[in-house]
Amino acid sequence: GDFPDPGPMRGVWPSLVLMKSGVLACSWGRTPPGVHLAFSLDRGQTWQQPITLCATSYSSYVCLQEIRPGVLLACYDNNEVVGFQEVTVKSGIRR
């Protein structure tokens, strides 16, 4: 994504998930356009650089859920088609 720094994370339909590992994950849409994800290792005090899951999202609404330890499932629309993406997280860094 086009994030010069972790700064403000603004958009629509934010989803917060406190993972079993203690990592806090936040997903949101629209700023910049698309679906984005960021991680905090200190329960939201600071955030790592956001990543873009999908840059062509239609409405940018997203839902996030930990489906097994260390694995998130992000569900979002992708130009009017539902998109699903698994994200493996280790110490708050996407792999």
PDB file of N, CA and C in Angstrom:
ATOM      1  N   GLY A   1       0.810  -1.193   0.000  1.00  0.00           N
ATOM      2  CA  GLY A   1       0.000   0.000   0.000  1.00  0.00           C
ATOM      3  C   GLY A   1       0.851   1.254   0.000  1.00  0.00           C
ATOM      4  N   ASP A   2       0.209   2.393  -0.104  1.00  0.00           N
ATOM      5  CA  ASP A   2       0.889   3.676  -0.133  1.00  0.00           C
ATOM      6  C   ASP A   2       0.865   4.298   1.252  1.00  0.00           C
ATOM      7  N   PHE A   3       1.602   3.717   2.181  1.00  0.00           N
ATOM      8  CA  PHE A   3       1.648   4.197   3.550  1.00  0.00           C
ATOM      9  C   PHE A   3       3.034   4.726   3.838  1.00  0.00           C
ATOM     10  N   PRO A   4       3.209   6.060   3.938  1.00  0.00           N
ATOM     11  CA  PRO A   4       4.533   6.598   4.222  1.00  0.00           C
ATOM     12  C   PRO A   4       5.000   6.260   5.635  1.00  0.00           C
ATOM     13  N   ASP A   5       4.069   6.068   6.551  1.00  0.00           N
ATOM     14  CA  ASP A   5       4.384   5.655   7.912  1.00  0.00           C
ATOM     15  C   ASP A   5       3.118   5.043   8.492  1.00  0.00           C
ATOM     16  N   PRO A   6       3.188   4.360   9.634  1.00  0.00           N
ATOM     17  CA  PRO A   6       1.996   3.730  10.178  1.00  0.00           C
ATOM     18  C   PRO A   6       0.895   4.723  10.548  1.00  0.00           C
ATOM     19  N   GLY A   7       1.191   6.019  10.715  1.00  0.00           N
ATOM     20  CA  GLY A   7       0.244   7.089  10.981  1.00  0.00           C
ATOM     21  C   GLY A   7      -1.213   6.695  11.138  1.00  0.00           C
ATOM     22  N   PRO A   8      -2.136   7.575  10.760  1.00  0.00           N
ATOM     23  CA  PRO A   8      -3.558   7.296  10.934  1.00  0.00           C
ATOM     24  C   PRO A   8      -4.012   6.137  10.064  1.00  0.00           C
ATOM     25  N   MET A   9      -4.770   5.246  10.649  1.00  0.00           N
ATOM     26  CA  MET A   9      -5.366   4.141   9.902  1.00  0.00           C
ATOM     27  C   MET A   9      -6.857   4.451   9.856  1.00  0.00           C
ATOM     28  N   ARG A  10      -7.304   5.038   8.743  1.00  0.00           N
ATOM     29  CA  ARG A  10      -8.690   5.455   8.619  1.00  0.00           C
ATOM     30  C   ARG A  10      -9.353   4.736   7.466  1.00  0.00           C
ATOM     31  N   GLY A  11     -10.635   4.458   7.624  1.00  0.00           N
ATOM     32  CA  GLY A  11     -11.382   3.817   6.566  1.00  0.00           C
ATOM     33  C   GLY A  11     -12.720   3.346   7.087  1.00  0.00           C
ATOM     34  N   VAL A  12     -13.216   2.257   6.500  1.00  0.00           N
ATOM     35  CA  VAL A  12     -14.530   1.740   6.878  1.00  0.00           C
ATOM     36  C   VAL A  12     -14.414   0.329   7.443  1.00  0.00           C
ATOM     37  N   TRP A  13     -15.396  -0.010   8.259  1.00  0.00           N
ATOM     38  CA  TRP A  13     -15.607  -1.347   8.783  1.00  0.00           C
ATOM     39  C   TRP A  13     -14.344  -1.957   9.379  1.00  0.00           C
ATOM     40  N   PRO A  14     -13.712  -1.306  10.355  1.00  0.00           N
ATOM     41  CA  PRO A  14     -12.512  -1.890  10.951  1.00  0.00           C
ATOM     42  C   PRO A  14     -12.844  -3.175  11.700  1.00  0.00           C
ATOM     43  N   SER A  15     -11.924  -4.080  11.684  1.00  0.00           N
ATOM     44  CA  SER A  15     -12.075  -5.348  12.389  1.00  0.00           C
ATOM     45  C   SER A  15     -10.819  -5.564  13.222  1.00  0.00           C
ATOM     46  N   LEU A  16     -10.983  -5.744  14.535  1.00  0.00           N
ATOM     47  CA  LEU A  16      -9.860  -5.995  15.433  1.00  0.00           C
ATOM     48  C   LEU A  16      -9.918  -7.430  15.932  1.00  0.00           C
ATOM     49  N   VAL A  17      -8.788  -8.100  15.916  1.00  0.00           N
ATOM     50  CA  VAL A  17      -8.696  -9.464  16.426  1.00  0.00           C
ATOM     51  C   VAL A  17      -7.473  -9.560  17.327  1.00  0.00           C
ATOM     52  N   LEU A  18      -7.686  -9.942  18.582  1.00  0.00           N
ATOM     53  CA  LEU A  18      -6.568 -10.228  19.475  1.00  0.00           C
ATOM     54  C   LEU A  18      -6.245 -11.711  19.305  1.00  0.00           C
ATOM     55  N   MET A  19      -5.111 -11.983  18.682  1.00  0.00           N
ATOM     56  CA  MET A  19      -4.734 -13.362  18.372  1.00  0.00           C
ATOM     57  C   MET A  19      -4.244 -14.081  19.623  1.00  0.00           C
ATOM     58  N   LYS A  20      -4.278 -15.396  19.588  1.00  0.00           N
ATOM     59  CA  LYS A  20      -3.840 -16.205  20.729  1.00  0.00           C
ATOM     60  C   LYS A  20      -2.402 -15.897  21.125  1.00  0.00           C
ATOM     61  N   SER A  21      -1.598 -15.446  20.168  1.00  0.00           N
ATOM     62  CA  SER A  21      -0.201 -15.110  20.424  1.00  0.00           C
ATOM     63  C   SER A  21      -0.044 -13.771  21.143  1.00  0.00           C
ATOM     64  N   GLY A  22      -1.134 -13.002  21.251  1.00  0.00           N
ATOM     65  CA  GLY A  22      -1.075 -11.678  21.858  1.00  0.00           C
ATOM     66  C   GLY A  22      -0.950 -10.555  20.837  1.00  0.00           C
ATOM     67  N   VAL A  23      -0.762 -10.911  19.571  1.00  0.00           N
ATOM     68  CA  VAL A  23      -0.689  -9.920  18.504  1.00  0.00           C
ATOM     69  C   VAL A  23      -2.100  -9.383  18.242  1.00  0.00           C
ATOM     70  N   LEU A  24      -2.226  -8.067  18.141  1.00  0.00           N
ATOM     71  CA  LEU A  24      -3.496  -7.442  17.802  1.00  0.00           C
ATOM     72  C   LEU A  24      -3.465  -7.121  16.315  1.00  0.00           C
ATOM     73  N   ALA A  25      -4.444  -7.629  15.572  1.00  0.00           N
ATOM     74  CA  ALA A  25      -4.533  -7.391  14.136  1.00  0.00           C
ATOM     75  C   ALA A  25      -5.722  -6.485  13.858  1.00  0.00           C
ATOM     76  N   CYS A  26      -5.540  -5.536  12.958  1.00  0.00           N
ATOM     77  CA  CYS A  26      -6.604  -4.612  12.568  1.00  0.00           C
ATOM     78  C   CYS A  26      -6.703  -4.593  11.049  1.00  0.00           C
ATOM     79  N   SER A  27      -7.907  -4.802  10.537  1.00  0.00           N
ATOM     80  CA  SER A  27      -8.138  -4.679   9.101  1.00  0.00           C
ATOM     81  C   SER A  27      -9.146  -3.562   8.872  1.00  0.00           C
ATOM     82  N   TRP A  28      -9.062  -2.908   7.715  1.00  0.00           N
ATOM     83  CA  TRP A  28      -9.984  -1.833   7.350  1.00  0.00           C
ATOM     84  C   TRP A  28      -9.904  -1.611   5.854  1.00  0.00           C
ATOM     85  N   GLY A  29     -10.791  -0.786   5.347  1.00  0.00           N
ATOM     86  CA  GLY A  29     -10.797  -0.517   3.921  1.00  0.00           C
ATOM     87  C   GLY A  29     -10.871   0.958   3.586  1.00  0.00           C
ATOM     88  N   ARG A  30     -10.525   1.270   2.351  1.00  0.00           N
ATOM     89  CA  ARG A  30     -10.691   2.555   1.671  1.00  0.00           C
ATOM     90  C   ARG A  30      -9.618   3.611   1.810  1.00  0.00           C
ATOM     91  N   THR A  31      -8.703   3.614   2.755  1.00  0.00           N
ATOM     92  CA  THR A  31      -7.732   4.702   2.844  1.00  0.00           C
ATOM     93  C   THR A  31      -6.327   4.147   2.967  1.00  0.00           C
ATOM     94  N   PRO A  32      -5.496   4.147   1.917  1.00  0.00           N
ATOM     95  CA  PRO A  32      -5.850   4.421   0.527  1.00  0.00           C
ATOM     96  C   PRO A  32      -6.804   3.352   0.006  1.00  0.00           C
ATOM     97  N   PRO A  33      -7.344   3.493  -1.224  1.00  0.00           N
ATOM     98  CA  PRO A  33      -8.330   2.519  -1.716  1.00  0.00           C
ATOM     99  C   PRO A  33      -7.834   1.080  -1.589  1.00  0.00           C
ATOM    100  N   GLY A  34      -8.707   0.221  -1.092  1.00  0.00           N
ATOM    101  CA  GLY A  34      -8.385  -1.189  -0.943  1.00  0.00           C
ATOM    102  C   GLY A  34      -8.683  -1.712   0.450  1.00  0.00           C
ATOM    103  N   VAL A  35      -8.146  -2.895   0.735  1.00  0.00           N
ATOM    104  CA  VAL A  35      -8.309  -3.561   2.029  1.00  0.00           C
ATOM    105  C   VAL A  35      -6.929  -3.690   2.650  1.00  0.00           C
ATOM    106  N   HIS A  36      -6.804  -3.284   3.924  1.00  0.00           N
ATOM    107  CA  HIS A  36      -5.498  -3.190   4.565  1.00  0.00           C
ATOM    108  C   HIS A  36      -5.478  -3.917   5.909  1.00  0.00           C
ATOM    109  N   LEU A  37      -4.264  -4.228   6.359  1.00  0.00           N
ATOM    110  CA  LEU A  37      -4.064  -4.975   7.594  1.00  0.00           C
ATOM    111  C   LEU A  37      -2.814  -4.435   8.292  1.00  0.00           C
ATOM    112  N   ALA A  38      -2.926  -4.251   9.620  1.00  0.00           N
ATOM    113  CA  ALA A  38      -1.776  -3.811  10.408  1.00  0.00           C
ATOM    114  C   ALA A  38      -1.743  -4.609  11.710  1.00  0.00           C
ATOM    115  N   PHE A  39      -0.559  -4.676  12.315  1.00  0.00           N
ATOM    116  CA  PHE A  39      -0.366  -5.462  13.525  1.00  0.00           C
ATOM    117  C   PHE A  39       0.227  -4.607  14.633  1.00  0.00           C
ATOM    118  N   SER A  40      -0.173  -4.920  15.865  1.00  0.00           N
ATOM    119  CA  SER A  40       0.387  -4.280  17.044  1.00  0.00           C
ATOM    120  C   SER A  40       0.886  -5.367  17.982  1.00  0.00           C
ATOM    121  N   LEU A  41       2.082  -5.180  18.502  1.00  0.00           N
ATOM    122  CA  LEU A  41       2.661  -6.138  19.446  1.00  0.00           C
ATOM    123  C   LEU A  41       2.468  -5.695  20.892  1.00  0.00           C
ATOM    124  N   ASP A  42       1.892  -4.482  21.071  1.00  0.00           N
ATOM    125  CA  ASP A  42       1.696  -3.944  22.422  1.00  0.00           C
ATOM    126  C   ASP A  42       0.230  -3.533  22.658  1.00  0.00           C
ATOM    127  N   ARG A  43      -0.671  -4.342  22.132  1.00  0.00           N
ATOM    128  CA  ARG A  43      -2.129  -4.165  22.327  1.00  0.00           C
ATOM    129  C   ARG A  43      -2.647  -2.810  21.873  1.00  0.00           C
ATOM    130  N   GLY A  44      -2.105  -2.308  20.765  1.00  0.00           N
ATOM    131  CA  GLY A  44      -2.635  -1.103  20.146  1.00  0.00           C
ATOM    132  C   GLY A  44      -1.929   0.192  20.473  1.00  0.00           C
ATOM    133  N   GLN A  45      -0.893   0.156  21.310  1.00  0.00           N
ATOM    134  CA  GLN A  45      -0.155   1.377  21.618  1.00  0.00           C
ATOM    135  C   GLN A  45       0.615   1.872  20.387  1.00  0.00           C
ATOM    136  N   THR A  46       1.237   0.945  19.666  1.00  0.00           N
ATOM    137  CA  THR A  46       1.945   1.268  18.424  1.00  0.00           C
ATOM    138  C   THR A  46       1.581   0.220  17.382  1.00  0.00           C
ATOM    139  N   TRP A  47       1.719   0.599  16.118  1.00  0.00           N
ATOM    140  CA  TRP A  47       1.355  -0.283  15.010  1.00  0.00           C
ATOM    141  C   TRP A  47       2.508  -0.415  14.034  1.00  0.00           C
ATOM    142  N   GLN A  48       2.670  -1.616  13.471  1.00  0.00           N
ATOM    143  CA  GLN A  48       3.665  -1.824  12.433  1.00  0.00           C
ATOM    144  C   GLN A  48       3.132  -1.273  11.114  1.00  0.00           C
ATOM    145  N   GLN A  49       4.004  -1.168  10.142  1.00  0.00           N
ATOM    146  CA  GLN A  49       3.638  -0.672   8.816  1.00  0.00           C
ATOM    147  C   GLN A  49       2.480  -1.493   8.243  1.00  0.00           C
ATOM    148  N   PRO A  50       1.382  -0.853   7.839  1.00  0.00           N
ATOM    149  CA  PRO A  50       0.259  -1.590   7.258  1.00  0.00           C
ATOM    150  C   PRO A  50       0.635  -2.248   5.936  1.00  0.00           C
ATOM    151  N   ILE A  51      -0.096  -3.311   5.606  1.00  0.00           N
ATOM    152  CA  ILE A  51       0.054  -3.977   4.315  1.00  0.00           C
ATOM    153  C   ILE A  51      -1.290  -3.931   3.600  1.00  0.00           C
ATOM    154  N   THR A  52      -1.265  -4.007   2.284  1.00  0.00           N
ATOM    155  CA  THR A  52      -2.483  -4.011   1.480  1.00  0.00           C
ATOM    156  C   THR A  52      -2.778  -5.439   1.048  1.00  0.00           C
ATOM    157  N   LEU A  53      -3.978  -5.917   1.400  1.00  0.00           N
ATOM    158  CA  LEU A  53      -4.392  -7.258   0.992  1.00  0.00           C
ATOM    159  C   LEU A  53      -4.982  -7.240  -0.407  1.00  0.00           C
ATOM    160  N   CYS A  54      -5.712  -6.176  -0.738  1.00  0.00           N
ATOM    161  CA  CYS A  54      -6.373  -6.059  -2.026  1.00  0.00           C
ATOM    162  C   CYS A  54      -6.478  -4.584  -2.380  1.00  0.00           C
ATOM    163  N   ALA A  55      -5.913  -4.174  -3.499  1.00  0.00           N
ATOM    164  CA  ALA A  55      -5.923  -2.757  -3.878  1.00  0.00           C
ATOM    165  C   ALA A  55      -7.105  -2.397  -4.766  1.00  0.00           C
ATOM    166  N   THR A  56      -7.920  -3.370  -5.168  1.00  0.00           N
ATOM    167  CA  THR A  56      -9.021  -3.107  -6.107  1.00  0.00           C
ATOM    168  C   THR A  56     -10.372  -3.399  -5.493  1.00  0.00           C
ATOM    169  N   SER A  57     -10.485  -3.255  -4.199  1.00  0.00           N
ATOM    170  CA  SER A  57     -11.740  -3.570  -3.531  1.00  0.00           C
ATOM    171  C   SER A  57     -12.833  -2.582  -3.914  1.00  0.00           C
ATOM    172  N   TYR A  58     -14.057  -3.070  -4.056  1.00  0.00           N
ATOM    173  CA  TYR A  58     -15.195  -2.259  -4.476  1.00  0.00           C
ATOM    174  C   TYR A  58     -15.695  -1.371  -3.338  1.00  0.00           C
ATOM    175  N   SER A  59     -16.103  -1.971  -2.222  1.00  0.00           N
ATOM    176  CA  SER A  59     -16.600  -1.169  -1.102  1.00  0.00           C
ATOM    177  C   SER A  59     -15.631  -1.160   0.076  1.00  0.00           C
ATOM    178  N   SER A  60     -14.706  -2.086   0.103  1.00  0.00           N
ATOM    179  CA  SER A  60     -13.651  -2.163   1.114  1.00  0.00           C
ATOM    180  C   SER A  60     -14.104  -2.653   2.478  1.00  0.00           C
ATOM    181  N   TYR A  61     -15.292  -3.215   2.593  1.00  0.00           N
ATOM    182  CA  TYR A  61     -15.698  -3.805   3.866  1.00  0.00           C
ATOM    183  C   TYR A  61     -14.947  -5.107   4.047  1.00  0.00           C
ATOM    184  N   VAL A  62     -14.466  -5.347   5.272  1.00  0.00           N
ATOM    185  CA  VAL A  62     -13.632  -6.514   5.526  1.00  0.00           C
ATOM    186  C   VAL A  62     -13.962  -7.094   6.892  1.00  0.00           C
ATOM    187  N   CYS A  63     -13.858  -8.402   7.007  1.00  0.00           N
ATOM    188  CA  CYS A  63     -14.045  -9.100   8.268  1.00  0.00           C
ATOM    189  C   CYS A  63     -12.809  -9.958   8.496  1.00  0.00           C
ATOM    190  N   LEU A  64     -12.320  -9.990   9.717  1.00  0.00           N
ATOM    191  CA  LEU A  64     -11.090 -10.689  10.052  1.00  0.00           C
ATOM    192  C   LEU A  64     -11.353 -11.651  11.195  1.00  0.00           C
ATOM    193  N   GLN A  65     -10.815 -12.869  11.099  1.00  0.00           N
ATOM    194  CA  GLN A  65     -11.018 -13.883  12.140  1.00  0.00           C
ATOM    195  C   GLN A  65      -9.785 -14.777  12.212  1.00  0.00           C
ATOM    196  N   GLU A  66      -9.361 -15.123  13.432  1.00  0.00           N
ATOM    197  CA  GLU A  66      -8.281 -16.102  13.583  1.00  0.00           C
ATOM    198  C   GLU A  66      -8.908 -17.489  13.453  1.00  0.00           C
ATOM    199  N   ILE A  67      -8.526 -18.226  12.410  1.00  0.00           N
ATOM    200  CA  ILE A  67      -9.153 -19.538  12.157  1.00  0.00           C
ATOM    201  C   ILE A  67      -8.373 -20.695  12.771  1.00  0.00           C
ATOM    202  N   ARG A  68      -7.104 -20.484  13.051  1.00  0.00           N
ATOM    203  CA  ARG A  68      -6.277 -21.407  13.818  1.00  0.00           C
ATOM    204  C   ARG A  68      -5.106 -20.592  14.340  1.00  0.00           C
ATOM    205  N   PRO A  69      -4.403 -21.068  15.342  1.00  0.00           N
ATOM    206  CA  PRO A  69      -3.334 -20.250  15.928  1.00  0.00           C
ATOM    207  C   PRO A  69      -2.356 -19.729  14.871  1.00  0.00           C
ATOM    208  N   GLY A  70      -2.207 -18.415  14.821  1.00  0.00           N
ATOM    209  CA  GLY A  70      -1.272 -17.788  13.895  1.00  0.00           C
ATOM    210  C   GLY A  70      -1.776 -17.605  12.480  1.00  0.00           C
ATOM    211  N   VAL A  71      -3.044 -17.955  12.207  1.00  0.00           N
ATOM    212  CA  VAL A  71      -3.577 -17.824  10.850  1.00  0.00           C
ATOM    213  C   VAL A  71      -4.888 -17.038  10.891  1.00  0.00           C
ATOM    214  N   LEU A  72      -4.902 -15.937  10.153  1.00  0.00           N
ATOM    215  CA  LEU A  72      -6.098 -15.111  10.027  1.00  0.00           C
ATOM    216  C   LEU A  72      -6.790 -15.396   8.699  1.00  0.00           C
ATOM    217  N   LEU A  73      -8.100 -15.262   8.689  1.00  0.00           N
ATOM    218  CA  LEU A  73      -8.861 -15.313   7.452  1.00  0.00           C
ATOM    219  C   LEU A  73      -9.481 -13.941   7.261  1.00  0.00           C
ATOM    220  N   ALA A  74      -9.161 -13.292   6.160  1.00  0.00           N
ATOM    221  CA  ALA A  74      -9.746 -12.000   5.810  1.00  0.00           C
ATOM    222  C   ALA A  74     -10.776 -12.240   4.712  1.00  0.00           C
ATOM    223  N   CYS A  75     -11.980 -11.762   4.919  1.00  0.00           N
ATOM    224  CA  CYS A  75     -13.050 -11.871   3.932  1.00  0.00           C
ATOM    225  C   CYS A  75     -13.433 -10.455   3.525  1.00  0.00           C
ATOM    226  N   TYR A  76     -13.484 -10.192   2.235  1.00  0.00           N
ATOM    227  CA  TYR A  76     -13.761  -8.844   1.736  1.00  0.00           C
ATOM    228  C   TYR A  76     -14.320  -8.942   0.328  1.00  0.00           C
ATOM    229  N   ASP A  77     -14.865  -7.822  -0.171  1.00  0.00           N
ATOM    230  CA  ASP A  77     -15.321  -7.826  -1.556  1.00  0.00           C
ATOM    231  C   ASP A  77     -14.174  -7.364  -2.453  1.00  0.00           C
ATOM    232  N   ASN A  78     -14.152  -7.895  -3.650  1.00  0.00           N
ATOM    233  CA  ASN A  78     -13.124  -7.576  -4.625  1.00  0.00           C
ATOM    234  C   ASN A  78     -13.840  -7.301  -5.942  1.00  0.00           C
ATOM    235  N   ASN A  79     -14.194  -6.013  -6.154  1.00  0.00           N
ATOM    236  CA  ASN A  79     -14.966  -5.629  -7.333  1.00  0.00           C
ATOM    237  C   ASN A  79     -16.252  -6.428  -7.456  1.00  0.00           C
ATOM    238  N   GLU A  80     -17.023  -6.418  -6.377  1.00  0.00           N
ATOM    239  CA  GLU A  80     -18.332  -7.044  -6.264  1.00  0.00           C
ATOM    240  C   GLU A  80     -18.281  -8.570  -6.173  1.00  0.00           C
ATOM    241  N   VAL A  81     -17.100  -9.143  -6.012  1.00  0.00           N
ATOM    242  CA  VAL A  81     -16.941 -10.577  -5.805  1.00  0.00           C
ATOM    243  C   VAL A  81     -16.299 -10.766  -4.438  1.00  0.00           C
ATOM    244  N   VAL A  82     -16.820 -11.697  -3.655  1.00  0.00           N
ATOM    245  CA  VAL A  82     -16.272 -11.916  -2.317  1.00  0.00           C
ATOM    246  C   VAL A  82     -14.874 -12.519  -2.437  1.00  0.00           C
ATOM    247  N   GLY A  83     -13.922 -11.942  -1.713  1.00  0.00           N
ATOM    248  CA  GLY A  83     -12.559 -12.455  -1.687  1.00  0.00           C
ATOM    249  C   GLY A  83     -12.244 -13.034  -0.322  1.00  0.00           C
ATOM    250  N   PHE A  84     -11.454 -14.079  -0.302  1.00  0.00           N
ATOM    251  CA  PHE A  84     -10.990 -14.700   0.934  1.00  0.00           C
ATOM    252  C   PHE A  84      -9.486 -14.798   0.852  1.00  0.00           C
ATOM    253  N   GLN A  85      -8.821 -14.515   1.955  1.00  0.00           N
ATOM    254  CA  GLN A  85      -7.367 -14.626   1.959  1.00  0.00           C
ATOM    255  C   GLN A  85      -6.905 -15.074   3.328  1.00  0.00           C
ATOM    256  N   GLU A  86      -6.091 -16.127   3.374  1.00  0.00           N
ATOM    257  CA  GLU A  86      -5.463 -16.555   4.624  1.00  0.00           C
ATOM    258  C   GLU A  86      -4.165 -15.780   4.789  1.00  0.00           C
ATOM    259  N   VAL A  87      -3.910 -15.324   6.015  1.00  0.00           N
ATOM    260  CA  VAL A  87      -2.698 -14.580   6.330  1.00  0.00           C
ATOM    261  C   VAL A  87      -2.037 -15.262   7.517  1.00  0.00           C
ATOM    262  N   THR A  88      -0.829 -15.769   7.325  1.00  0.00           N
ATOM    263  CA  THR A  88      -0.077 -16.395   8.404  1.00  0.00           C
ATOM    264  C   THR A  88       0.733 -15.316   9.114  1.00  0.00           C
ATOM    265  N   VAL A  89       0.631 -15.282  10.446  1.00  0.00           N
ATOM    266  CA  VAL A  89       1.261 -14.219  11.217  1.00  0.00           C
ATOM    267  C   VAL A  89       2.257 -14.833  12.197  1.00  0.00           C
ATOM    268  N   LYS A  90       3.478 -14.307  12.200  1.00  0.00           N
ATOM    269  CA  LYS A  90       4.478 -14.708  13.173  1.00  0.00           C
ATOM    270  C   LYS A  90       5.064 -13.431  13.749  1.00  0.00           C
ATOM    271  N   SER A  91       4.863 -13.221  15.032  1.00  0.00           N
ATOM    272  CA  SER A  91       5.333 -12.020  15.721  1.00  0.00           C
ATOM    273  C   SER A  91       4.832 -10.749  15.058  1.00  0.00           C
ATOM    274  N   GLY A  92       3.622 -10.779  14.486  1.00  0.00           N
ATOM    275  CA  GLY A  92       3.034  -9.598  13.897  1.00  0.00           C
ATOM    276  C   GLY A  92       3.497  -9.266  12.502  1.00  0.00           C
ATOM    277  N   ILE A  93       4.226 -10.175  11.857  1.00  0.00           N
ATOM    278  CA  ILE A  93       4.701  -9.919  10.509  1.00  0.00           C
ATOM    279  C   ILE A  93       4.083 -10.945   9.574  1.00  0.00           C
ATOM    280  N   ARG A  94       3.456 -10.448   8.504  1.00  0.00           N
ATOM    281  CA  ARG A  94       2.807 -11.340   7.540  1.00  0.00           C
ATOM    282  C   ARG A  94       3.851 -12.130   6.771  1.00  0.00           C
ATOM    283  N   ARG A  95       3.557 -13.443   6.572  1.00  0.00           N
ATOM    284  CA  ARG A  95       4.442 -14.265   5.739  1.00  0.00           C
ATOM    285  C   ARG A  95       3.641 -14.843   4.599  1.00  0.00           C
TER     286      ARG A  95
END
